[in-house]
C-alpha atoms as a PDB file:
ATOM      1  CA  MET A   1     -17.673  23.939   9.088  1.00  0.00           C
ATOM      2  CA  ILE A   2     -14.710  21.920   7.762  1.00  0.00           C
ATOM      3  CA  LEU A   3     -15.497  22.898   4.156  1.00  0.00           C
ATOM      4  CA  LEU A   4     -15.842  26.533   5.176  1.00  0.00           C
ATOM      5  CA  PHE A   5     -12.403  26.546   6.831  1.00  0.00           C
ATOM      6  CA  ILE A   6     -10.646  24.650   4.008  1.00  0.00           C
ATOM      7  CA  PHE A   7     -12.316  26.706   1.256  1.00  0.00           C
ATOM      8  CA  GLY A   8     -11.696  29.960   3.168  1.00  0.00           C
ATOM      9  CA  LEU A   9      -7.993  29.201   3.540  1.00  0.00           C
ATOM     10  CA  TYR A  10      -7.793  28.278  -0.140  1.00  0.00           C
ATOM     11  CA  ILE A  11      -9.417  31.581  -1.184  1.00  0.00           C
ATOM     12  CA  PHE A  12      -7.092  33.469   1.217  1.00  0.00           C
ATOM     13  CA  LEU A  13      -4.031  31.898  -0.469  1.00  0.00           C
ATOM     14  CA  TYR A  14      -5.393  31.768  -4.039  1.00  0.00           C
ATOM     15  CA  GLU A  15      -3.646  34.853  -5.424  1.00  0.00           C
ATOM     16  CA  ASN A  16      -0.205  33.534  -4.388  1.00  0.00           C
ATOM     17  CA  LEU A  17      -0.577  29.891  -5.462  1.00  0.00           C
ATOM     18  CA  GLY A  18       0.451  30.327  -9.106  1.00  0.00           C
ATOM     19  CA  VAL A  19       0.889  26.918 -10.755  1.00  0.00           C
ATOM     20  CA  MET A  20       0.124  25.242  -7.428  1.00  0.00           C
ATOM     21  CA  LYS A  21      -3.600  26.126  -7.513  1.00  0.00           C
ATOM     22  CA  ILE A  22      -4.770  22.639  -8.533  1.00  0.00           C
ATOM     23  CA  PRO A  23      -2.331  20.629  -6.348  1.00  0.00           C
ATOM     24  CA  VAL A  24      -3.138  22.781  -3.317  1.00  0.00           C
ATOM     25  CA  PHE A  25      -6.875  22.422  -4.006  1.00  0.00           C
ATOM     26  CA  LEU A  26      -6.555  18.637  -4.193  1.00  0.00           C
ATOM     27  CA  TYR A  27      -4.438  18.449  -1.054  1.00  0.00           C
ATOM     28  CA  ALA A  28      -6.848  20.736   0.811  1.00  0.00           C
ATOM     29  CA  PHE A  29      -9.741  18.504  -0.235  1.00  0.00           C
ATOM     30  CA  THR A  30      -7.813  15.424   0.947  1.00  0.00           C
ATOM     31  CA  ILE A  31      -6.969  16.760   4.397  1.00  0.00           C
ATOM     32  CA  GLY A  32     -10.495  18.094   4.730  1.00  0.00           C
ATOM     33  CA  ALA A  33     -11.811  14.602   4.042  1.00  0.00           C
ATOM     34  CA  MET A  34      -9.316  13.152   6.549  1.00  0.00           C
ATOM     35  CA  LEU A  35     -10.548  15.610   9.195  1.00  0.00           C
ATOM     36  CA  TYR A  36     -14.205  14.765   8.411  1.00  0.00           C
ATOM     37  CA  VAL A  37     -13.556  11.036   8.783  1.00  0.00           C
ATOM     38  CA  ALA A  38     -11.467  11.517  11.951  1.00  0.00           C
ATOM     39  CA  LEU A  39     -14.142  13.628  13.613  1.00  0.00           C
ATOM     40  CA  GLY A  40     -16.664  10.882  12.775  1.00  0.00           C
ATOM     41  CA  THR A  41     -14.711   8.292  14.738  1.00  0.00           C
ATOM     42  CA  GLY A  42     -15.740   9.745  18.074  1.00  0.00           C
ATOM     43  CA  GLN A  43     -12.242   8.874  19.373  1.00  0.00           C
ATOM     44  CA  LYS A  44     -10.911  11.982  21.124  1.00  0.00           C
ATOM     45  CA  TRP A  45      -7.192  11.386  20.432  1.00  0.00           C
ATOM     46  CA  ILE A  46      -7.837  10.831  16.689  1.00  0.00           C
ATOM     47  CA  MET A  47     -10.079  13.901  16.521  1.00  0.00           C
ATOM     48  CA  ILE A  48      -7.519  16.093  18.299  1.00  0.00           C
ATOM     49  CA  GLY A  49      -4.696  14.712  16.144  1.00  0.00           C
ATOM     50  CA  ALA A  50      -6.582  15.404  12.954  1.00  0.00           C
ATOM     51  CA  ILE A  51      -7.406  18.968  14.029  1.00  0.00           C
ATOM     52  CA  LEU A  52      -3.767  19.598  14.923  1.00  0.00           C
ATOM     53  CA  PHE A  53      -2.652  18.081  11.583  1.00  0.00           C
ATOM     54  CA  VAL A  54      -4.934  20.450   9.636  1.00  0.00           C
ATOM     55  CA  LEU A  55      -3.705  23.333  11.795  1.00  0.00           C
ATOM     56  CA  SER A  56      -0.090  22.396  11.073  1.00  0.00           C
ATOM     57  CA  ASP A  57      -0.703  22.207   7.339  1.00  0.00           C
ATOM     58  CA  SER A  58      -2.619  25.493   7.427  1.00  0.00           C
ATOM     59  CA  ILE A  59       0.264  27.288   9.125  1.00  0.00           C
ATOM     60  CA  LEU A  60       2.625  25.682   6.577  1.00  0.00           C
ATOM     61  CA  ALA A  61       0.508  26.856   3.655  1.00  0.00           C
ATOM     62  CA  ILE A  62       0.291  30.392   5.006  1.00  0.00           C
ATOM     63  CA  ASN A  63       4.025  30.391   5.619  1.00  0.00           C
ATOM     64  CA  LEU A  64       4.759  29.117   2.084  1.00  0.00           C
ATOM     65  CA  PHE A  65       2.207  31.020   0.020  1.00  0.00           C
ATOM     66  CA  HIS A  66       1.287  34.158   1.947  1.00  0.00           C
ATOM     67  CA  HIS A  67       3.963  35.433   4.285  1.00  0.00           C
ATOM     68  CA  ARG A  68       6.884  33.947   6.152  1.00  0.00           C
ATOM     69  CA  SER A  69       6.787  34.142   9.899  1.00  0.00           C
ATOM     70  CA  THR A  70       9.781  33.894  12.181  1.00  0.00           C
ATOM     71  CA  LEU A  71       7.734  31.571  14.391  1.00  0.00           C
ATOM     72  CA  GLY A  72       6.336  29.611  11.413  1.00  0.00           C
ATOM     73  CA  GLY A  73       8.801  26.757  11.511  1.00  0.00           C
ATOM     74  CA  MET A  74       8.436  26.192  15.232  1.00  0.00           C
ATOM     75  CA  SER A  75       4.635  26.456  15.093  1.00  0.00           C
ATOM     76  CA  ILE A  76       4.476  24.023  12.156  1.00  0.00           C
ATOM     77  CA  MET A  77       6.683  21.409  13.822  1.00  0.00           C
ATOM     78  CA  LEU A  78       5.038  21.755  17.248  1.00  0.00           C
ATOM     79  CA  THR A  79       1.538  21.211  15.887  1.00  0.00           C
ATOM     80  CA  TYR A  80       2.758  18.463  13.512  1.00  0.00           C
ATOM     81  CA  VAL A  81       4.542  16.467  16.241  1.00  0.00           C
ATOM     82  CA  LEU A  82       1.554  16.827  18.618  1.00  0.00           C
ATOM     83  CA  ALA A  83      -0.768  15.744  15.803  1.00  0.00           C
ATOM     84  CA  GLN A  84       1.324  12.645  15.113  1.00  0.00           C
ATOM     85  CA  TYR A  85       1.407  11.796  18.825  1.00  0.00           C
ATOM     86  CA  CYS A  86      -2.362  12.171  19.187  1.00  0.00           C
ATOM     87  CA  LEU A  87      -3.106  10.183  16.038  1.00  0.00           C
ATOM     88  CA  THR A  88      -0.781   7.390  17.119  1.00  0.00           C
ATOM     89  CA  GLU A  89      -2.159   7.319  20.639  1.00  0.00           C
ATOM     90  CA  GLY A  90      -5.709   7.248  19.256  1.00  0.00           C
ATOM     91  CA  ILE A  91      -4.962   4.415  16.917  1.00  0.00           C
ATOM     92  CA  LEU A  92      -3.303   2.380  19.670  1.00  0.00           C
ATOM     93  CA  ILE A  93      -6.228   2.924  21.995  1.00  0.00           C
ATOM     94  CA  ALA A  94      -8.769   2.119  19.264  1.00  0.00           C
ATOM     95  CA  ASP A  95      -6.809  -0.984  18.285  1.00  0.00           C
ATOM     96  CA  LYS A  96      -6.932  -2.257  21.862  1.00  0.00           C
ATOM     97  CA  SER A  97     -10.698  -1.858  21.855  1.00  0.00           C
ATOM     98  CA  HIS A  98     -11.091  -2.830  18.151  1.00  0.00           C
ATOM     99  CA  LYS A  99     -12.821   0.443  17.271  1.00  0.00           C
ATOM    100  CA  VAL A 100     -10.777   1.503  14.251  1.00  0.00           C
END
């Protein structure tokens, strides 16, 4: 499912990537791997944070390479800040229980 989403977004953006095709592919692979690992932790805050992080980067990529949205900046920052909060909360909880 993760690969399908990441690959689908890459194909959707492909025509507009120009010289950024390889860097975007590598970054997409990296955040896809991060999401896969995060979902495997079983820690709800880390899983939610990783999903929000991928969502934030997806909105950013669409905003940069497909079409600009007037709500793009706010959507990107909202999902990014929530992702960082959830990831931090998850790591702190896991650290207390030594499950990281």
